Amino acid sequence: MYLLNMCDILKMTHQKTIALDLDSVLADVMLIWLEEYNSKFNTTIKKQDLSQWHLHNILPLPEKYIQDLFTQVWKNRWKDIPPTNNDLSIVTSLLQKAGFRISIITKRDRATMSFVAQWLDLHNICFNDLIFIFDNASKTCYPFFLLVDDSPINAVEVLYPRRIVVFDQPWNKILVNYPRIRKLNELFYLI
């Protein structure tokens, strides 16, 4: 019988784990967030208009209001949030069958946890771990060899030998020297 310590377990998990961000990688939450924003402020902003990660730099709202609106969208309209692509269930299943561990890592308000879990079930997303981050901890604190994320901040924090794949969104166009995908199924060409 072999005894493994936690470091050994994390190393093994790290080598075969693909970490997926939730918002704007799996769940196209910005479409519904913008519906709510446009309705409240009588505007017609589209996702393509969001050229920066920090929305409070381009919209006339405090950061807390923006985050509260995200929370409200997840609590009240989670069923309306579309997947970024309709084949996510198939893609995540195939990744698991290929021997990868799938960790969904997401920063969010605690009040949205159950709605996120229900959304993942609704769309039959296959995963091994669902990791909620509530503080300012970096996603790099968690074991993975590859992270798929739309955040420019998270992208620059991932250092070799780990890998980052940027999920293409209007707010991350500044990331020109990173592998980029528009659909999760494109990941098969990069692993």
Protein backbone atom coordinates (compact mmCIF):
# COMPACT_ATOMS: atom_id res chain seq x y z
CA MET A 1 0.00 0.00 0.00
CA TYR A 2 1.34 3.40 -0.98
CA LEU A 3 0.77 6.51 1.05
CA LEU A 4 0.72 9.81 -0.79
CA ASN A 5 0.98 13.18 0.82
CA MET A 6 -1.09 16.14 -0.32
CA CYS A 7 1.77 17.60 -2.41
CA ASP A 8 2.05 14.36 -4.40
CA ILE A 9 -1.70 14.29 -4.97
CA LEU A 10 -1.68 17.92 -6.14
CA LYS A 11 1.24 17.23 -8.52
CA MET A 12 -0.61 14.32 -10.09
CA THR A 13 -3.84 16.30 -10.36
CA HIS A 14 -1.99 19.32 -11.73
CA GLN A 15 -0.50 17.31 -14.61
CA LYS A 16 -3.85 16.22 -16.05
CA THR A 17 -6.17 19.04 -15.00
CA ILE A 18 -7.71 21.52 -17.39
CA ALA A 19 -9.19 24.48 -15.52
CA LEU A 20 -12.11 26.26 -17.15
CA ASP A 21 -13.38 29.66 -16.16
CA LEU A 22 -17.16 29.88 -15.98
CA ASP A 23 -18.28 33.41 -16.85
CA SER A 24 -17.74 34.19 -20.54
CA VAL A 25 -15.92 30.89 -21.18
CA LEU A 26 -18.73 28.43 -20.49
CA ALA A 27 -21.63 30.73 -19.59
CA ASP A 28 -22.21 33.70 -21.90
CA VAL A 29 -23.36 35.78 -18.93
CA MET A 30 -22.49 39.15 -20.50
CA LEU A 31 -25.39 38.81 -22.94
CA ILE A 32 -27.90 38.73 -20.08
CA TRP A 33 -25.93 41.24 -17.99
CA LEU A 34 -26.13 43.70 -20.90
CA GLU A 35 -29.85 43.07 -21.34
CA GLU A 36 -30.33 44.08 -17.71
CA TYR A 37 -27.95 47.04 -17.96
CA ASN A 38 -29.53 48.32 -21.18
CA SER A 39 -33.02 47.95 -19.73
CA LYS A 40 -32.14 49.87 -16.53
CA PHE A 41 -30.24 52.67 -18.26
CA ASN A 42 -32.05 52.82 -21.62
CA THR A 43 -28.88 52.11 -23.59
CA THR A 44 -28.03 49.78 -26.48
CA ILE A 45 -24.57 48.56 -25.54
CA LYS A 46 -23.51 45.30 -27.15
CA LYS A 47 -20.91 42.80 -25.97
CA GLN A 48 -18.63 43.87 -28.84
CA ASP A 49 -18.58 47.39 -27.32
CA LEU A 50 -16.89 46.15 -24.13
CA SER A 51 -13.26 46.76 -25.01
CA GLN A 52 -11.86 46.58 -21.47
CA TRP A 53 -11.91 43.98 -18.71
CA HIS A 54 -12.75 46.51 -15.98
CA LEU A 55 -16.27 47.60 -16.89
CA HIS A 56 -16.17 50.50 -14.42
CA ASN A 57 -13.54 52.09 -16.69
CA ILE A 58 -15.90 52.22 -19.67
CA LEU A 59 -19.35 52.39 -18.07
CA PRO A 60 -20.49 55.20 -15.77
CA LEU A 61 -21.04 52.89 -12.80
CA PRO A 62 -19.14 52.05 -9.62
CA GLU A 63 -17.47 48.65 -9.53
CA LYS A 64 -19.76 47.48 -6.70
CA TYR A 65 -22.90 48.19 -8.75
CA ILE A 66 -21.46 46.22 -11.68
CA GLN A 67 -20.71 43.25 -9.41
CA ASP A 68 -24.15 43.48 -7.77
CA LEU A 69 -25.76 43.35 -11.22
CA PHE A 70 -23.76 40.17 -12.01
CA THR A 71 -25.03 38.66 -8.77
CA GLN A 72 -28.63 39.61 -9.61
CA VAL A 73 -28.32 38.12 -13.10
CA TRP A 74 -27.07 34.81 -11.68
CA LYS A 75 -29.74 34.76 -8.96
CA ASN A 76 -32.73 35.83 -11.03
CA ARG A 77 -31.92 34.93 -14.64
CA TRP A 78 -29.55 31.96 -14.47
CA LYS A 79 -31.85 29.91 -16.71
CA ASP A 80 -31.59 32.62 -19.39
CA ILE A 81 -27.79 32.62 -19.51
CA PRO A 82 -26.80 30.80 -22.70
CA PRO A 83 -23.73 28.63 -23.04
CA THR A 84 -20.95 30.14 -25.14
CA ASN A 85 -21.48 27.23 -27.52
CA ASN A 86 -24.09 24.50 -27.74
CA ASP A 87 -21.62 21.60 -27.67
CA LEU A 88 -20.10 22.23 -24.22
CA SER A 89 -21.56 19.03 -22.80
CA ILE A 90 -19.99 16.95 -25.57
CA VAL A 91 -16.65 18.77 -25.40
CA THR A 92 -16.28 18.47 -21.62
CA SER A 93 -17.28 14.79 -21.80
CA LEU A 94 -14.70 14.11 -24.51
CA LEU A 95 -11.99 15.88 -22.51
CA GLN A 96 -12.76 13.64 -19.54
CA LYS A 97 -12.77 10.53 -21.74
CA ALA A 98 -9.35 11.60 -23.04
CA GLY A 99 -8.11 11.36 -19.45
CA PHE A 100 -8.26 14.99 -18.38
CA ARG A 101 -9.63 16.17 -15.07
CA ILE A 102 -11.93 19.17 -15.56
CA SER A 103 -11.93 21.85 -12.86
CA ILE A 104 -14.27 24.78 -13.18
CA ILE A 105 -12.69 27.69 -11.31
CA THR A 106 -14.78 30.81 -10.83
CA LYS A 107 -14.58 33.98 -8.73
CA ARG A 108 -17.97 35.09 -7.51
CA ASP A 109 -20.36 36.12 -4.80
CA ARG A 110 -21.34 33.28 -2.45
CA ALA A 111 -25.02 33.97 -3.09
CA THR A 112 -24.67 32.67 -6.66
CA MET A 113 -23.16 29.26 -5.87
CA SER A 114 -26.35 27.22 -6.07
CA PHE A 115 -27.42 28.95 -9.29
CA VAL A 116 -24.07 28.19 -10.91
CA ALA A 117 -24.42 24.52 -9.96
CA GLN A 118 -27.95 24.45 -11.39
CA TRP A 119 -26.77 26.13 -14.60
CA LEU A 120 -24.01 23.52 -15.03
CA ASP A 121 -26.57 20.73 -14.49
CA LEU A 122 -29.05 22.34 -16.89
CA HIS A 123 -26.43 22.33 -19.64
CA ASN A 124 -24.99 18.91 -18.73
CA ILE A 125 -21.47 20.27 -18.34
CA CYS A 126 -19.09 17.48 -17.29
CA PHE A 127 -16.55 18.33 -14.60
CA ASN A 128 -14.65 16.84 -11.69
CA ASP A 129 -14.24 19.91 -9.49
CA LEU A 130 -16.19 23.10 -9.02
CA ILE A 131 -14.01 25.65 -7.26
CA PHE A 132 -15.50 28.91 -6.01
CA ILE A 133 -13.11 31.74 -5.18
CA PHE A 134 -14.55 34.40 -2.89
CA ASP A 135 -11.50 36.52 -2.17
CA ASN A 136 -8.68 37.92 -4.24
CA ALA A 137 -6.79 34.63 -4.50
CA SER A 138 -5.31 34.01 -7.91
CA LYS A 139 -6.55 31.08 -9.95
CA THR A 140 -2.90 30.05 -10.16
CA CYS A 141 -3.17 28.92 -6.51
CA TYR A 142 -5.13 25.90 -7.75
CA PRO A 143 -3.77 22.78 -9.49
CA PHE A 144 -3.98 22.72 -13.29
CA PHE A 145 -1.66 22.45 -16.24
CA LEU A 146 -3.88 24.49 -18.57
CA LEU A 147 -6.33 27.30 -17.85
CA VAL A 148 -8.95 28.52 -20.32
CA ASP A 149 -9.97 32.04 -19.29
CA ASP A 150 -11.18 35.32 -20.77
CA SER A 151 -9.51 37.55 -18.19
CA PRO A 152 -6.40 39.49 -19.22
CA ILE A 153 -5.42 39.55 -15.53
CA ASN A 154 -5.55 35.78 -15.15
CA ALA A 155 -3.73 35.27 -18.45
CA VAL A 156 -0.62 37.15 -17.39
CA GLU A 157 -0.49 35.35 -14.02
CA VAL A 158 -0.09 31.90 -15.58
CA LEU A 159 3.61 31.09 -15.86
CA TYR A 160 5.46 28.26 -17.59
CA PRO A 161 5.25 25.26 -17.33
CA ARG A 162 1.55 25.92 -16.93
CA ARG A 163 -0.36 27.05 -19.98
CA ILE A 164 -3.07 29.62 -20.64
CA VAL A 165 -5.50 29.60 -23.52
CA VAL A 166 -7.44 32.82 -23.92
CA PHE A 167 -11.14 32.46 -24.65
CA ASP A 168 -11.78 35.15 -27.22
CA GLN A 169 -13.87 38.07 -25.99
CA PRO A 170 -13.91 41.78 -26.95
CA TRP A 171 -12.29 42.77 -23.64
CA ASN A 172 -9.19 40.63 -24.12
CA LYS A 173 -8.03 41.69 -27.59
CA ILE A 174 -4.91 43.24 -26.02
CA LEU A 175 -3.63 39.70 -25.39
CA VAL A 176 -1.97 39.15 -28.75
CA ASN A 177 0.81 36.70 -27.79
CA TYR A 178 -1.39 33.99 -26.30
CA PRO A 179 -3.09 30.97 -27.85
CA ARG A 180 -6.72 31.90 -28.40
CA ILE A 181 -9.92 29.97 -29.02
CA ARG A 182 -13.43 31.12 -29.93
CA LYS A 183 -15.14 27.85 -29.01
CA LEU A 184 -14.18 25.31 -26.40
CA ASN A 185 -13.97 22.53 -28.99
CA GLU A 186 -10.96 24.33 -30.52
CA LEU A 187 -9.05 23.29 -27.40
CA PHE A 188 -8.52 19.84 -28.92
CA TYR A 189 -6.09 21.39 -31.43
CA LEU A 190 -3.96 22.84 -28.62
CA ILE A 191 -3.59 19.96 -26.14
